[in-house]
Amino acid sequence: MVIKICETIQSIRDEIKNRKRKDIDALVTFVPTMGYLHRGHITLVDVAKRDGQIVVVSIFVNPTQFGPTEDLAAYPRDIENDVRLLNEACPNAILFLPSSKEMYPSGVVNLSDATTATYVDVGSMTTVREGIARPGHFRGVATVVTKLVNIVQPDIMYLGQKDAMQCVCLKKCFQDLNNPTRVVIVDTVREPSGLAMSSRNSYLTESERLDASLIYRSMKEVASVYRTLSVEQLQEQLTTKITSNPKMVVEYISVANGSTGSELSPSLDSIPPQSIISLAVFFNGQNRKTRLIDVLIL
């Protein structure tokens, strides 16, 4: 058996309907991705396969979540390998592989176009550090995932914890819009060095990946003493540790409420358990500057 590939909204709806007809109680589980799959994605697929009988994976590099200076055109793509990995992991899965025209029939092709179309704006996310660093990003994410869930209508959707603020954004979005789909957050999958798995790691050489593992090591070191630190002290210590490698530049370090994503005050002397440390770091490699993100739950 090989995965079923659907490229249109009608075809995937028909495929899911046909499978539900054979088993009316079958749960539909859904993993949205931008492709260039790695072990982190496959872990999400494994959990979806464990929980449901109809597994849907989408691959769509969403133009409305990339800013004008970001890497939309260069974002890594390898559909042939993605299909191979999915066939190995879950050969009875459905792969939804839409075009931009299929997803945005009004002709939206980038983030600025989204202002002229219907979109989903999770207002509170504009004030979190990732939202400030990437204006309009969460609007693009919330819009495309809302559209995908409207198309697939899954019982459960799976997200990786590495994109912590994205998880907060989408859970709030679904709650506010009364969307019945349950959102399950799966732990971050890491390379042996500790570097969080990401499609963008492909921009780095092997030695650069090892260098970049300093990010997670530094986060763990600071997290081990977080009860003795203020928010500002934690941010300062973490910045110092990461930038001890001159190839790395910290864009931001966020310490936020684990439920709402709202930033904790830098002057806060006592950081509550379950707070989220999230960050973005630019790694100046030999091939290009790569933006890496990571997260740790205290």
C-alpha atoms as a PDB file:
ATOM      1  CA  MET A   1       0.000   0.000   0.000  1.00  0.00           C
ATOM      2  CA  VAL A   2       1.232   3.524  -0.757  1.00  0.00           C
ATOM      3  CA  ILE A   3       0.034   6.884   0.462  1.00  0.00           C
ATOM      4  CA  LYS A   4      -2.798   8.556  -1.376  1.00  0.00           C
ATOM      5  CA  ILE A   5      -1.812  11.974  -2.753  1.00  0.00           C
ATOM      6  CA  CYS A   6      -4.539  14.597  -3.129  1.00  0.00           C
ATOM      7  CA  GLU A   7      -3.787  17.950  -4.744  1.00  0.00           C
ATOM      8  CA  THR A   8      -7.229  19.555  -4.644  1.00  0.00           C
ATOM      9  CA  ILE A   9      -9.669  20.377  -1.874  1.00  0.00           C
ATOM     10  CA  GLN A  10     -12.394  18.342  -3.527  1.00  0.00           C
ATOM     11  CA  SER A  11     -10.197  15.264  -3.911  1.00  0.00           C
ATOM     12  CA  ILE A  12      -9.086  15.182  -0.277  1.00  0.00           C
ATOM     13  CA  ARG A  13     -12.616  15.736   0.981  1.00  0.00           C
ATOM     14  CA  ASP A  14     -13.808  12.882  -1.230  1.00  0.00           C
ATOM     15  CA  GLU A  15     -10.998  10.596  -0.040  1.00  0.00           C
ATOM     16  CA  ILE A  16     -11.736  11.247   3.639  1.00  0.00           C
ATOM     17  CA  LYS A  17     -15.471  10.818   3.032  1.00  0.00           C
ATOM     18  CA  ASN A  18     -14.895   7.474   1.303  1.00  0.00           C
ATOM     19  CA  ARG A  19     -12.771   6.192   4.167  1.00  0.00           C
ATOM     20  CA  LYS A  20     -15.282   7.397   6.757  1.00  0.00           C
ATOM     21  CA  ARG A  21     -17.996   5.569   4.853  1.00  0.00           C
ATOM     22  CA  LYS A  22     -16.109   2.307   5.486  1.00  0.00           C
ATOM     23  CA  ASP A  23     -15.636   3.105   9.178  1.00  0.00           C
ATOM     24  CA  ILE A  24     -17.994   5.789  10.434  1.00  0.00           C
ATOM     25  CA  ASP A  25     -16.284   5.878  13.845  1.00  0.00           C
ATOM     26  CA  ALA A  26     -12.778   6.326  12.418  1.00  0.00           C
ATOM     27  CA  LEU A  27     -10.886   9.264  13.902  1.00  0.00           C
ATOM     28  CA  VAL A  28      -9.258  11.673  11.462  1.00  0.00           C
ATOM     29  CA  THR A  29      -5.838  12.806  12.690  1.00  0.00           C
ATOM     30  CA  PHE A  30      -3.927  15.610  10.997  1.00  0.00           C
ATOM     31  CA  VAL A  31      -0.310  16.763  10.797  1.00  0.00           C
ATOM     32  CA  PRO A  32       0.188  20.103   8.992  1.00  0.00           C
ATOM     33  CA  THR A  33       3.739  20.624   7.659  1.00  0.00           C
ATOM     34  CA  MET A  34       5.702  22.728   5.201  1.00  0.00           C
ATOM     35  CA  GLY A  35       7.541  19.669   3.941  1.00  0.00           C
ATOM     36  CA  TYR A  36      11.237  18.792   3.822  1.00  0.00           C
ATOM     37  CA  LEU A  37      10.304  16.195   6.395  1.00  0.00           C
ATOM     38  CA  HIS A  38      12.638  14.986   9.130  1.00  0.00           C
ATOM     39  CA  ARG A  39      12.390  12.756  12.192  1.00  0.00           C
ATOM     40  CA  GLY A  40      10.500  15.442  14.095  1.00  0.00           C
ATOM     41  CA  HIS A  41       7.704  15.414  11.521  1.00  0.00           C
ATOM     42  CA  ILE A  42       7.669  11.625  11.407  1.00  0.00           C
ATOM     43  CA  THR A  43       7.282  11.532  15.196  1.00  0.00           C
ATOM     44  CA  LEU A  44       4.106  13.603  14.788  1.00  0.00           C
ATOM     45  CA  VAL A  45       2.907  11.162  12.117  1.00  0.00           C
ATOM     46  CA  ASP A  46       3.638   8.222  14.424  1.00  0.00           C
ATOM     47  CA  VAL A  47       1.502   9.760  17.181  1.00  0.00           C
ATOM     48  CA  ALA A  48      -1.266  10.544  14.682  1.00  0.00           C
ATOM     49  CA  LYS A  49      -1.162   6.940  13.459  1.00  0.00           C
ATOM     50  CA  ARG A  50      -1.376   5.665  17.034  1.00  0.00           C
ATOM     51  CA  ASP A  51      -4.420   7.795  17.821  1.00  0.00           C
ATOM     52  CA  GLY A  52      -6.446   7.671  14.612  1.00  0.00           C
ATOM     53  CA  GLN A  53      -7.515   5.466  11.745  1.00  0.00           C
ATOM     54  CA  ILE A  54      -7.430   8.113   8.993  1.00  0.00           C
ATOM     55  CA  VAL A  55      -4.100   9.955   9.008  1.00  0.00           C
ATOM     56  CA  VAL A  56      -3.786  13.121   6.921  1.00  0.00           C
ATOM     57  CA  VAL A  57      -0.506  14.969   6.386  1.00  0.00           C
ATOM     58  CA  SER A  58      -0.366  18.269   4.528  1.00  0.00           C
ATOM     59  CA  ILE A  59       2.664  19.768   2.809  1.00  0.00           C
ATOM     60  CA  PHE A  60       2.259  23.410   1.914  1.00  0.00           C
ATOM     61  CA  VAL A  61       4.894  26.144   2.076  1.00  0.00           C
ATOM     62  CA  ASN A  62       2.562  28.936   3.094  1.00  0.00           C
ATOM     63  CA  PRO A  63       3.530  32.271   1.499  1.00  0.00           C
ATOM     64  CA  THR A  64       1.482  34.397   3.896  1.00  0.00           C
ATOM     65  CA  GLN A  65       3.627  33.562   6.926  1.00  0.00           C
ATOM     66  CA  PHE A  66       6.903  34.715   5.326  1.00  0.00           C
ATOM     67  CA  GLY A  67       7.988  38.345   5.444  1.00  0.00           C
ATOM     68  CA  PRO A  68       9.499  40.099   2.391  1.00  0.00           C
ATOM     69  CA  THR A  69      13.091  39.557   3.601  1.00  0.00           C
ATOM     70  CA  GLU A  70      12.571  35.946   4.701  1.00  0.00           C
ATOM     71  CA  ASP A  71      13.456  32.677   2.986  1.00  0.00           C
ATOM     72  CA  LEU A  72      10.240  31.739   1.143  1.00  0.00           C
ATOM     73  CA  ALA A  73      11.969  31.183  -2.206  1.00  0.00           C
ATOM     74  CA  ALA A  74      14.914  29.359  -0.639  1.00  0.00           C
ATOM     75  CA  TYR A  75      12.898  27.271   1.827  1.00  0.00           C
ATOM     76  CA  PRO A  76      14.059  23.646   1.350  1.00  0.00           C
ATOM     77  CA  ARG A  77      11.787  21.376  -0.663  1.00  0.00           C
ATOM     78  CA  ASP A  78      12.075  17.686  -1.585  1.00  0.00           C
ATOM     79  CA  ILE A  79       8.655  16.202  -2.307  1.00  0.00           C
ATOM     80  CA  GLU A  80      10.076  12.926  -3.610  1.00  0.00           C
ATOM     81  CA  ASN A  81      11.887  12.259  -0.341  1.00  0.00           C
ATOM     82  CA  ASP A  82       8.878  13.447   1.676  1.00  0.00           C
ATOM     83  CA  VAL A  83       6.678  10.879  -0.072  1.00  0.00           C
ATOM     84  CA  ARG A  84       9.272   8.163   0.571  1.00  0.00           C
ATOM     85  CA  LEU A  85       9.432   8.970   4.291  1.00  0.00           C
ATOM     86  CA  LEU A  86       5.646   9.032   4.610  1.00  0.00           C
ATOM     87  CA  ASN A  87       5.339   5.725   2.776  1.00  0.00           C
ATOM     88  CA  GLU A  88       7.745   4.173   5.265  1.00  0.00           C
ATOM     89  CA  ALA A  89       6.072   5.713   8.314  1.00  0.00           C
ATOM     90  CA  CYS A  90       2.382   5.392   7.405  1.00  0.00           C
ATOM     91  CA  PRO A  91       1.639   3.859   3.993  1.00  0.00           C
ATOM     92  CA  ASN A  92      -2.127   4.275   4.382  1.00  0.00           C
ATOM     93  CA  ALA A  93      -1.864   8.023   5.065  1.00  0.00           C
ATOM     94  CA  ILE A  94      -3.410  10.695   2.871  1.00  0.00           C
ATOM     95  CA  LEU A  95      -1.014  13.403   1.694  1.00  0.00           C
ATOM     96  CA  PHE A  96      -2.633  16.745   0.928  1.00  0.00           C
ATOM     97  CA  LEU A  97      -0.359  18.596  -1.492  1.00  0.00           C
ATOM     98  CA  PRO A  98      -2.177  21.757  -2.589  1.00  0.00           C
ATOM     99  CA  SER A  99      -0.876  24.599  -4.730  1.00  0.00           C
ATOM    100  CA  SER A 100      -0.968  28.235  -3.619  1.00  0.00           C
ATOM    101  CA  LYS A 101      -3.835  28.795  -6.052  1.00  0.00           C
ATOM    102  CA  GLU A 102      -5.788  25.953  -4.455  1.00  0.00           C
ATOM    103  CA  MET A 103      -5.291  27.355  -0.960  1.00  0.00           C
ATOM    104  CA  TYR A 104      -5.674  31.012  -1.908  1.00  0.00           C
ATOM    105  CA  PRO A 105      -8.094  31.173  -4.848  1.00  0.00           C
ATOM    106  CA  SER A 106      -8.286  34.967  -4.586  1.00  0.00           C
ATOM    107  CA  GLY A 107      -4.651  35.138  -5.639  1.00  0.00           C
ATOM    108  CA  VAL A 108      -2.810  35.829  -2.374  1.00  0.00           C
ATOM    109  CA  VAL A 109       0.864  35.109  -2.970  1.00  0.00           C
ATOM    110  CA  ASN A 110       2.661  36.792  -0.069  1.00  0.00           C
ATOM    111  CA  LEU A 111       2.252  38.316   3.370  1.00  0.00           C
ATOM    112  CA  SER A 112       1.370  41.798   2.125  1.00  0.00           C
ATOM    113  CA  ASP A 113      -1.385  40.393  -0.121  1.00  0.00           C
ATOM    114  CA  ALA A 114      -3.061  38.896   2.953  1.00  0.00           C
ATOM    115  CA  THR A 115      -4.228  42.359   3.971  1.00  0.00           C
ATOM    116  CA  THR A 116      -6.597  42.437   0.983  1.00  0.00           C
ATOM    117  CA  ALA A 117      -8.077  38.997   1.607  1.00  0.00           C
ATOM    118  CA  THR A 118     -10.010  37.277   4.383  1.00  0.00           C
ATOM    119  CA  TYR A 119      -7.635  36.259   7.143  1.00  0.00           C
ATOM    120  CA  VAL A 120      -7.539  35.115  10.770  1.00  0.00           C
ATOM    121  CA  ASP A 121      -5.815  37.489  13.178  1.00  0.00           C
ATOM    122  CA  VAL A 122      -5.068  36.288  16.713  1.00  0.00           C
ATOM    123  CA  GLY A 123      -4.599  39.790  18.088  1.00  0.00           C
ATOM    124  CA  SER A 124      -2.731  38.935  21.283  1.00  0.00           C
ATOM    125  CA  MET A 125       0.079  37.279  19.304  1.00  0.00           C
ATOM    126  CA  THR A 126       1.260  40.598  17.870  1.00  0.00           C
ATOM    127  CA  THR A 127       2.815  41.464  21.246  1.00  0.00           C
ATOM    128  CA  VAL A 128       4.833  38.275  21.832  1.00  0.00           C
ATOM    129  CA  ARG A 129       8.501  38.420  20.860  1.00  0.00           C
ATOM    130  CA  GLU A 130       8.164  36.175  17.802  1.00  0.00           C
ATOM    131  CA  GLY A 131       5.199  38.258  16.668  1.00  0.00           C
ATOM    132  CA  ILE A 132       7.195  41.473  17.024  1.00  0.00           C
ATOM    133  CA  ALA A 133      10.181  39.958  15.209  1.00  0.00           C
ATOM    134  CA  ARG A 134       7.995  38.694  12.351  1.00  0.00           C
ATOM    135  CA  PRO A 135       5.083  41.104  11.782  1.00  0.00           C
ATOM    136  CA  GLY A 136       2.101  39.334  10.253  1.00  0.00           C
ATOM    137  CA  HIS A 137       3.629  35.882  10.734  1.00  0.00           C
ATOM    138  CA  PHE A 138       1.031  34.592  13.185  1.00  0.00           C
ATOM    139  CA  ARG A 139      -1.774  35.979  11.052  1.00  0.00           C
ATOM    140  CA  GLY A 140      -0.437  33.918   8.149  1.00  0.00           C
ATOM    141  CA  VAL A 141      -0.093  30.816  10.320  1.00  0.00           C
ATOM    142  CA  ALA A 142      -3.555  31.152  11.880  1.00  0.00           C
ATOM    143  CA  THR A 143      -5.134  31.756   8.480  1.00  0.00           C
ATOM    144  CA  VAL A 144      -3.571  28.819   6.666  1.00  0.00           C
ATOM    145  CA  VAL A 145      -4.090  26.336   9.516  1.00  0.00           C
ATOM    146  CA  THR A 146      -7.715  27.442   9.906  1.00  0.00           C
ATOM    147  CA  LYS A 147      -8.169  26.859   6.167  1.00  0.00           C
ATOM    148  CA  LEU A 148      -6.464  23.446   6.307  1.00  0.00           C
ATOM    149  CA  VAL A 149      -8.545  22.335   9.283  1.00  0.00           C
ATOM    150  CA  ASN A 150     -11.691  23.559   7.547  1.00  0.00           C
ATOM    151  CA  ILE A 151     -10.746  21.405   4.545  1.00  0.00           C
ATOM    152  CA  VAL A 152      -9.667  18.256   6.416  1.00  0.00           C
ATOM    153  CA  GLN A 153     -12.020  18.576   9.431  1.00  0.00           C
ATOM    154  CA  PRO A 154      -9.850  16.414  11.683  1.00  0.00           C
ATOM    155  CA  ASP A 155     -10.697  15.204  15.144  1.00  0.00           C
ATOM    156  CA  ILE A 156      -7.136  15.835  16.342  1.00  0.00           C
ATOM    157  CA  MET A 157      -4.281  17.983  15.029  1.00  0.00           C
ATOM    158  CA  TYR A 158      -0.639  17.510  16.061  1.00  0.00           C
ATOM    159  CA  LEU A 159       1.977  20.244  16.462  1.00  0.00           C
ATOM    160  CA  GLY A 160       5.619  20.194  17.542  1.00  0.00           C
ATOM    161  CA  GLN A 161       6.508  21.983  20.770  1.00  0.00           C
ATOM    162  CA  LYS A 162       9.555  23.684  19.197  1.00  0.00           C
ATOM    163  CA  ASP A 163       7.208  26.268  17.681  1.00  0.00           C
ATOM    164  CA  ALA A 164       5.843  27.072  21.133  1.00  0.00           C
ATOM    165  CA  MET A 165       4.249  30.421  20.341  1.00  0.00           C
ATOM    166  CA  GLN A 166       2.688  28.947  17.211  1.00  0.00           C
ATOM    167  CA  CYS A 167       1.130  26.285  19.430  1.00  0.00           C
ATOM    168  CA  VAL A 168      -0.211  28.951  21.810  1.00  0.00           C
ATOM    169  CA  CYS A 169      -1.521  30.955  18.847  1.00  0.00           C
ATOM    170  CA  LEU A 170      -3.377  28.046  17.269  1.00  0.00           C
ATOM    171  CA  LYS A 171      -4.859  26.745  20.511  1.00  0.00           C
ATOM    172  CA  LYS A 172      -6.230  30.225  21.250  1.00  0.00           C
ATOM    173  CA  CYS A 173      -7.444  30.564  17.665  1.00  0.00           C
ATOM    174  CA  PHE A 174      -9.371  27.289  17.835  1.00  0.00           C
ATOM    175  CA  GLN A 175     -10.805  28.134  21.248  1.00  0.00           C
ATOM    176  CA  ASP A 176     -11.942  31.600  20.162  1.00  0.00           C
ATOM    177  CA  LEU A 177     -13.498  30.300  16.927  1.00  0.00           C
ATOM    178  CA  ASN A 178     -15.232  27.357  18.661  1.00  0.00           C
ATOM    179  CA  ASN A 179     -13.303  24.888  16.526  1.00  0.00           C
ATOM    180  CA  PRO A 180     -13.856  21.369  17.912  1.00  0.00           C
ATOM    181  CA  THR A 181     -10.529  19.986  16.654  1.00  0.00           C
ATOM    182  CA  ARG A 182      -8.345  18.935  19.576  1.00  0.00           C
ATOM    183  CA  VAL A 183      -4.777  20.252  19.437  1.00  0.00           C
ATOM    184  CA  VAL A 184      -2.067  17.903  20.722  1.00  0.00           C
ATOM    185  CA  ILE A 185       1.440  19.249  21.352  1.00  0.00           C
ATOM    186  CA  VAL A 186       4.272  16.736  20.897  1.00  0.00           C
ATOM    187  CA  ASP A 187       7.697  17.134  22.518  1.00  0.00           C
ATOM    188  CA  THR A 188      10.520  18.628  20.471  1.00  0.00           C
ATOM    189  CA  VAL A 189      12.645  16.035  18.671  1.00  0.00           C
ATOM    190  CA  ARG A 190      16.369  16.742  18.742  1.00  0.00           C
ATOM    191  CA  GLU A 191      19.496  15.727  16.913  1.00  0.00           C
ATOM    192  CA  PRO A 192      22.012  13.694  18.991  1.00  0.00           C
ATOM    193  CA  SER A 193      23.828  16.945  19.807  1.00  0.00           C
ATOM    194  CA  GLY A 194      20.657  18.469  21.274  1.00  0.00           C
ATOM    195  CA  LEU A 195      19.950  20.826  18.361  1.00  0.00           C
ATOM    196  CA  ALA A 196      16.201  21.020  17.765  1.00  0.00           C
ATOM    197  CA  MET A 197      15.286  19.324  14.499  1.00  0.00           C
ATOM    198  CA  SER A 198      14.234  21.771  11.801  1.00  0.00           C
ATOM    199  CA  SER A 199      14.029  21.808   8.029  1.00  0.00           C
ATOM    200  CA  ARG A 200      16.263  24.892   8.172  1.00  0.00           C
ATOM    201  CA  ASN A 201      19.061  22.823   9.734  1.00  0.00           C
ATOM    202  CA  SER A 202      19.766  21.750   6.149  1.00  0.00           C
ATOM    203  CA  TYR A 203      21.304  25.198   5.628  1.00  0.00           C
ATOM    204  CA  LEU A 204      24.070  24.282   8.116  1.00  0.00           C
ATOM    205  CA  THR A 205      27.152  22.129   7.629  1.00  0.00           C
ATOM    206  CA  GLU A 206      27.710  19.192   9.998  1.00  0.00           C
ATOM    207  CA  SER A 207      30.238  21.148  12.061  1.00  0.00           C
ATOM    208  CA  GLU A 208      27.886  24.134  12.200  1.00  0.00           C
ATOM    209  CA  ARG A 209      25.105  21.899  13.508  1.00  0.00           C
ATOM    210  CA  LEU A 210      27.392  20.844  16.346  1.00  0.00           C
ATOM    211  CA  ASP A 211      28.231  24.486  17.049  1.00  0.00           C
ATOM    212  CA  ALA A 212      24.521  25.367  17.057  1.00  0.00           C
ATOM    213  CA  SER A 213      23.841  22.758  19.743  1.00  0.00           C
ATOM    214  CA  LEU A 214      25.246  25.365  22.143  1.00  0.00           C
ATOM    215  CA  ILE A 215      21.783  26.953  22.044  1.00  0.00           C
ATOM    216  CA  TYR A 216      20.037  24.075  23.798  1.00  0.00           C
ATOM    217  CA  ARG A 217      22.937  23.379  26.174  1.00  0.00           C
ATOM    218  CA  SER A 218      22.823  27.010  27.266  1.00  0.00           C
ATOM    219  CA  MET A 219      19.059  26.892  27.744  1.00  0.00           C
ATOM    220  CA  LYS A 220      19.350  23.810  29.962  1.00  0.00           C
ATOM    221  CA  GLU A 221      22.124  25.371  32.045  1.00  0.00           C
ATOM    222  CA  VAL A 222      20.130  28.530  32.689  1.00  0.00           C
ATOM    223  CA  ALA A 223      16.907  26.598  33.293  1.00  0.00           C
ATOM    224  CA  SER A 224      18.615  24.552  36.005  1.00  0.00           C
ATOM    225  CA  VAL A 225      18.978  27.697  38.146  1.00  0.00           C
ATOM    226  CA  TYR A 226      15.946  29.685  36.980  1.00  0.00           C
ATOM    227  CA  ARG A 227      14.438  29.807  40.488  1.00  0.00           C
ATOM    228  CA  THR A 228      17.338  32.024  41.590  1.00  0.00           C
ATOM    229  CA  LEU A 229      17.042  34.450  38.657  1.00  0.00           C
ATOM    230  CA  SER A 230      14.852  37.324  37.614  1.00  0.00           C
ATOM    231  CA  VAL A 231      13.545  37.338  34.048  1.00  0.00           C
ATOM    232  CA  GLU A 232      16.151  39.931  33.075  1.00  0.00           C
ATOM    233  CA  GLN A 233      18.997  37.962  34.674  1.00  0.00           C
ATOM    234  CA  LEU A 234      17.931  34.790  32.888  1.00  0.00           C
ATOM    235  CA  GLN A 235      17.858  36.607  29.550  1.00  0.00           C
ATOM    236  CA  GLU A 236      21.274  38.176  30.163  1.00  0.00           C
ATOM    237  CA  GLN A 237      22.927  34.916  31.226  1.00  0.00           C
ATOM    238  CA  LEU A 238      21.457  33.004  28.310  1.00  0.00           C
ATOM    239  CA  THR A 239      22.559  35.679  25.833  1.00  0.00           C
ATOM    240  CA  THR A 240      26.100  35.602  27.223  1.00  0.00           C
ATOM    241  CA  LYS A 241      26.341  31.820  26.949  1.00  0.00           C
ATOM    242  CA  ILE A 242      25.007  31.643  23.384  1.00  0.00           C
ATOM    243  CA  THR A 243      27.063  34.543  22.032  1.00  0.00           C
ATOM    244  CA  SER A 244      30.256  33.012  23.406  1.00  0.00           C
ATOM    245  CA  ASN A 245      30.273  31.543  19.901  1.00  0.00           C
ATOM    246  CA  PRO A 246      30.850  34.581  17.648  1.00  0.00           C
ATOM    247  CA  LYS A 247      28.886  32.940  14.820  1.00  0.00           C
ATOM    248  CA  MET A 248      25.661  33.375  16.773  1.00  0.00           C
ATOM    249  CA  VAL A 249      23.590  36.519  17.237  1.00  0.00           C
ATOM    250  CA  VAL A 250      20.559  36.470  19.548  1.00  0.00           C
ATOM    251  CA  GLU A 251      17.489  38.053  17.956  1.00  0.00           C
ATOM    252  CA  TYR A 252      15.388  37.706  21.106  1.00  0.00           C
ATOM    253  CA  ILE A 253      14.934  35.657  24.251  1.00  0.00           C
ATOM    254  CA  SER A 254      11.381  35.454  25.531  1.00  0.00           C
ATOM    255  CA  VAL A 255      10.202  34.335  28.950  1.00  0.00           C
ATOM    256  CA  ALA A 256       6.454  33.985  28.755  1.00  0.00           C
ATOM    257  CA  ASN A 257       3.369  32.608  30.453  1.00  0.00           C
ATOM    258  CA  GLY A 258       3.039  28.978  29.415  1.00  0.00           C
ATOM    259  CA  SER A 259      -0.701  29.179  28.817  1.00  0.00           C
ATOM    260  CA  THR A 260      -1.214  32.572  27.200  1.00  0.00           C
ATOM    261  CA  GLY A 261       2.181  33.301  25.656  1.00  0.00           C
ATOM    262  CA  SER A 262       2.186  36.775  27.233  1.00  0.00           C
ATOM    263  CA  GLU A 263       5.638  38.118  28.095  1.00  0.00           C
ATOM    264  CA  LEU A 264       6.729  38.153  31.727  1.00  0.00           C
ATOM    265  CA  SER A 265       8.070  41.474  32.970  1.00  0.00           C
ATOM    266  CA  PRO A 266      11.902  41.679  32.861  1.00  0.00           C
ATOM    267  CA  SER A 267      11.828  42.953  36.448  1.00  0.00           C
ATOM    268  CA  LEU A 268       9.923  39.898  37.717  1.00  0.00           C
ATOM    269  CA  ASP A 269      12.096  38.379  40.461  1.00  0.00           C
ATOM    270  CA  SER A 270      10.441  34.973  40.581  1.00  0.00           C
ATOM    271  CA  ILE A 271       9.758  33.053  37.375  1.00  0.00           C
ATOM    272  CA  PRO A 272       6.744  30.722  37.715  1.00  0.00           C
ATOM    273  CA  PRO A 273       7.098  27.030  36.848  1.00  0.00           C
ATOM    274  CA  GLN A 274       5.708  26.068  33.422  1.00  0.00           C
ATOM    275  CA  SER A 275       6.876  29.377  31.959  1.00  0.00           C
ATOM    276  CA  ILE A 276       8.206  29.144  28.398  1.00  0.00           C
ATOM    277  CA  ILE A 277      11.711  30.171  27.403  1.00  0.00           C
ATOM    278  CA  SER A 278      11.737  30.650  23.640  1.00  0.00           C
ATOM    279  CA  LEU A 279      14.344  32.273  21.465  1.00  0.00           C
ATOM    280  CA  ALA A 280      15.521  33.014  17.973  1.00  0.00           C
ATOM    281  CA  VAL A 281      19.200  32.997  17.063  1.00  0.00           C
ATOM    282  CA  PHE A 282      20.879  33.867  13.789  1.00  0.00           C
ATOM    283  CA  PHE A 283      23.731  31.496  12.949  1.00  0.00           C
ATOM    284  CA  ASN A 284      26.217  33.049  10.533  1.00  0.00           C
ATOM    285  CA  GLY A 285      27.340  29.973   8.615  1.00  0.00           C
ATOM    286  CA  GLN A 286      29.605  29.641   5.619  1.00  0.00           C
ATOM    287  CA  ASN A 287      26.658  29.265   3.234  1.00  0.00           C
ATOM    288  CA  ARG A 288      24.106  31.699   4.647  1.00  0.00           C
ATOM    289  CA  LYS A 289      22.660  33.266   7.785  1.00  0.00           C
ATOM    290  CA  THR A 290      20.203  30.791   9.296  1.00  0.00           C
ATOM    291  CA  ARG A 291      17.484  31.640  11.792  1.00  0.00           C
ATOM    292  CA  LEU A 292      17.150  28.952  14.456  1.00  0.00           C
ATOM    293  CA  ILE A 293      14.448  28.773  17.120  1.00  0.00           C
ATOM    294  CA  ASP A 294      14.121  26.655  20.237  1.00  0.00           C
ATOM    295  CA  VAL A 295      11.985  26.369  23.339  1.00  0.00           C
ATOM    296  CA  LEU A 296      12.213  25.005  26.847  1.00  0.00           C
ATOM    297  CA  ILE A 297       9.380  24.630  29.358  1.00  0.00           C
ATOM    298  CA  LEU A 298      10.471  25.387  32.919  1.00  0.00           C
END
